[in-house]
Amino acid sequence: MPTDHHAEVAQLLSDYRRSRDQLAAVHHALATVKESRTSDDGTVTVTVGAGGILVDLAIGDDAYRRHRPADLARLILDLTTVAVRRAAERSEQAVAAVLPSDADPRALLAGTADLRPNELAPPAPRPQPAEDDDNSEQSWLEHSYPGRRR
């Protein structure tokens, strides 16, 4: 009995196009993930994008009067943590929509899929900053106001 290969190829191409469209939709959804969080007093707003990358940080002038430096740093970290968590949830939802029900979107987004720790390559070493950076001794005030004396 002869097989209609043209119909099989047409079905494979149709399946491929549908999968490709789904993949494009997921990539678009992931690329548009942004989450912002603002402090209760409105002085600090952080915005993270896909993958939890900090894409914007707005610090109002009043923040420096209302918060001690260490408290301001902690506030920024806390807001960023919440924004990153929410961005990760949105990313997981976007990916989960096209995965089988038993797949873990967090593992896929982490880039590990179903690999076990012993199957993963060790992370590449991070480059160290140059020690001869001639601006390393200057404070941020000196950068803002050249020639200012302490």
Protein backbone atom coordinates (compact mmCIF):
# COMPACT_ATOMS: atom_id res chain seq x y z
CA MET A 1 0.00 0.00 0.00
CA PRO A 2 1.57 3.30 -1.08
CA THR A 3 2.17 6.00 1.50
CA ASP A 4 1.31 9.63 0.83
CA HIS A 5 4.57 11.28 1.86
CA HIS A 6 3.37 14.68 0.68
CA ALA A 7 0.63 14.67 3.31
CA GLU A 8 3.11 13.58 6.01
CA VAL A 9 5.58 16.31 5.04
CA ALA A 10 2.77 18.90 4.97
CA GLN A 11 1.70 17.82 8.47
CA LEU A 12 5.28 17.99 9.76
CA LEU A 13 5.70 21.47 8.30
CA SER A 14 2.41 22.56 9.84
CA ASP A 15 3.48 21.21 13.25
CA TYR A 16 6.86 22.92 12.90
CA ARG A 17 5.26 26.28 12.05
CA ARG A 18 2.86 25.99 14.98
CA SER A 19 5.75 25.16 17.37
CA ARG A 20 7.79 28.01 15.95
CA ASP A 21 4.92 30.46 16.45
CA GLN A 22 4.52 29.27 20.05
CA LEU A 23 8.24 29.71 20.65
CA ALA A 24 8.14 33.23 19.20
CA ALA A 25 5.19 34.09 21.46
CA VAL A 26 7.05 32.83 24.54
CA HIS A 27 10.17 34.77 23.59
CA HIS A 28 8.08 37.90 23.13
CA ALA A 29 6.38 37.38 26.49
CA LEU A 30 9.73 36.86 28.23
CA ALA A 31 11.26 39.90 26.54
CA THR A 32 8.45 42.12 27.81
CA VAL A 33 8.61 40.97 31.43
CA LYS A 34 9.20 43.99 33.64
CA GLU A 35 8.33 44.42 37.28
CA SER A 36 8.65 47.58 39.33
CA ARG A 37 8.39 48.08 43.06
CA THR A 38 8.26 51.41 44.87
CA SER A 39 9.05 52.04 48.53
CA ASP A 40 6.18 52.90 50.86
CA ASP A 41 7.41 56.49 51.10
CA GLY A 42 7.73 56.77 47.31
CA THR A 43 11.40 57.70 47.36
CA VAL A 44 12.80 54.61 45.62
CA THR A 45 11.56 52.64 42.61
CA VAL A 46 13.34 49.62 41.16
CA THR A 47 12.49 47.97 37.85
CA VAL A 48 13.75 44.56 36.79
CA GLY A 49 13.39 42.85 33.46
CA ALA A 50 13.46 39.26 32.34
CA GLY A 51 15.92 37.15 34.26
CA GLY A 52 15.78 39.58 37.18
CA ILE A 53 18.13 42.08 35.55
CA LEU A 54 17.93 45.53 37.12
CA VAL A 55 16.90 47.83 34.27
CA ASP A 56 16.03 51.01 36.17
CA LEU A 57 16.59 52.50 39.60
CA ALA A 58 15.00 55.80 40.57
CA ILE A 59 16.09 57.39 43.83
CA GLY A 60 14.32 60.60 44.74
CA ASP A 61 16.28 63.49 46.23
CA ASP A 62 14.35 63.10 49.48
CA ALA A 63 15.57 59.50 49.89
CA TYR A 64 18.95 60.74 51.09
CA ARG A 65 17.29 62.78 53.84
CA ARG A 66 14.82 60.09 54.90
CA HIS A 67 17.17 57.09 54.92
CA ARG A 68 20.63 56.50 56.28
CA PRO A 69 22.95 55.04 53.60
CA ALA A 70 22.82 51.48 54.97
CA ASP A 71 19.02 51.65 55.30
CA LEU A 72 18.70 52.99 51.75
CA ALA A 73 20.88 50.15 50.45
CA ARG A 74 18.76 47.58 52.31
CA LEU A 75 15.55 49.19 50.96
CA ILE A 76 16.87 48.96 47.40
CA LEU A 77 17.83 45.31 47.88
CA ASP A 78 14.47 44.45 49.44
CA LEU A 79 12.50 46.13 46.65
CA THR A 80 14.68 44.42 44.05
CA THR A 81 14.16 41.02 45.66
CA VAL A 82 10.37 41.41 45.51
CA ALA A 83 10.47 42.64 41.90
CA VAL A 84 12.76 39.78 40.85
CA ARG A 85 10.46 37.23 42.48
CA ARG A 86 7.41 38.63 40.67
CA ALA A 87 9.27 38.80 37.33
CA ALA A 88 10.30 35.16 37.78
CA GLU A 89 6.68 34.18 38.44
CA ARG A 90 5.56 35.95 35.26
CA SER A 91 8.34 34.28 33.27
CA GLU A 92 7.37 30.87 34.64
CA GLN A 93 3.74 31.46 33.64
CA ALA A 94 4.76 32.40 30.09
CA VAL A 95 6.91 29.29 29.69
CA ALA A 96 4.49 26.93 31.45
CA ALA A 97 1.80 27.70 28.88
CA VAL A 98 3.73 25.77 26.21
CA LEU A 99 5.33 23.03 28.31
CA PRO A 100 3.94 19.59 29.08
CA SER A 101 2.06 19.52 32.39
CA ASP A 102 4.80 17.54 34.13
CA ALA A 103 7.63 19.91 33.08
CA ASP A 104 9.15 22.39 35.54
CA PRO A 105 9.35 25.89 34.01
CA ARG A 106 11.79 27.03 36.73
CA ALA A 107 14.32 24.40 35.67
CA LEU A 108 13.96 25.43 32.05
CA LEU A 109 14.36 29.14 32.86
CA ALA A 110 17.35 28.40 35.05
CA GLY A 111 18.92 26.82 32.00
CA THR A 112 19.28 23.43 33.62
CA ALA A 113 16.13 21.69 32.30
CA ASP A 114 16.29 18.17 33.74
CA LEU A 115 20.06 18.03 34.19
CA ARG A 116 21.35 16.89 37.54
CA PRO A 117 24.05 18.95 39.35
CA ASN A 118 26.79 16.48 38.41
CA GLU A 119 25.87 16.93 34.73
CA LEU A 120 26.33 20.70 34.84
CA ALA A 121 29.64 22.35 34.00
CA PRO A 122 31.19 24.48 36.74
CA PRO A 123 30.58 28.22 36.27
CA ALA A 124 33.26 30.19 34.46
CA PRO A 125 35.44 32.33 36.74
CA ARG A 126 34.42 35.99 36.91
CA PRO A 127 36.99 38.55 35.78
CA GLN A 128 38.48 40.58 38.61
CA PRO A 129 38.43 44.39 38.40
CA ALA A 130 41.70 46.05 37.52
CA GLU A 131 43.64 47.23 40.55
CA ASP A 132 45.13 50.20 38.74
CA ASP A 133 41.78 51.97 38.27
CA ASP A 134 42.80 55.59 38.83
CA ASN A 135 39.29 56.56 39.98
CA SER A 136 39.11 53.94 42.72
CA GLU A 137 40.15 56.39 45.43
CA GLN A 138 37.66 59.09 44.47
CA SER A 139 34.29 59.29 46.14
CA TRP A 140 31.10 59.79 44.17
CA LEU A 141 31.06 63.42 45.35
CA GLU A 142 34.42 64.09 43.72
CA HIS A 143 33.09 62.63 40.47
CA SER A 144 30.05 64.91 40.67
CA TYR A 145 31.97 68.00 41.77
CA PRO A 146 35.52 67.90 40.35
CA GLY A 147 38.00 69.91 42.34
CA ARG A 148 35.93 69.79 45.51
CA ARG A 149 38.06 69.43 48.64
CA ARG A 150 37.24 67.20 51.55
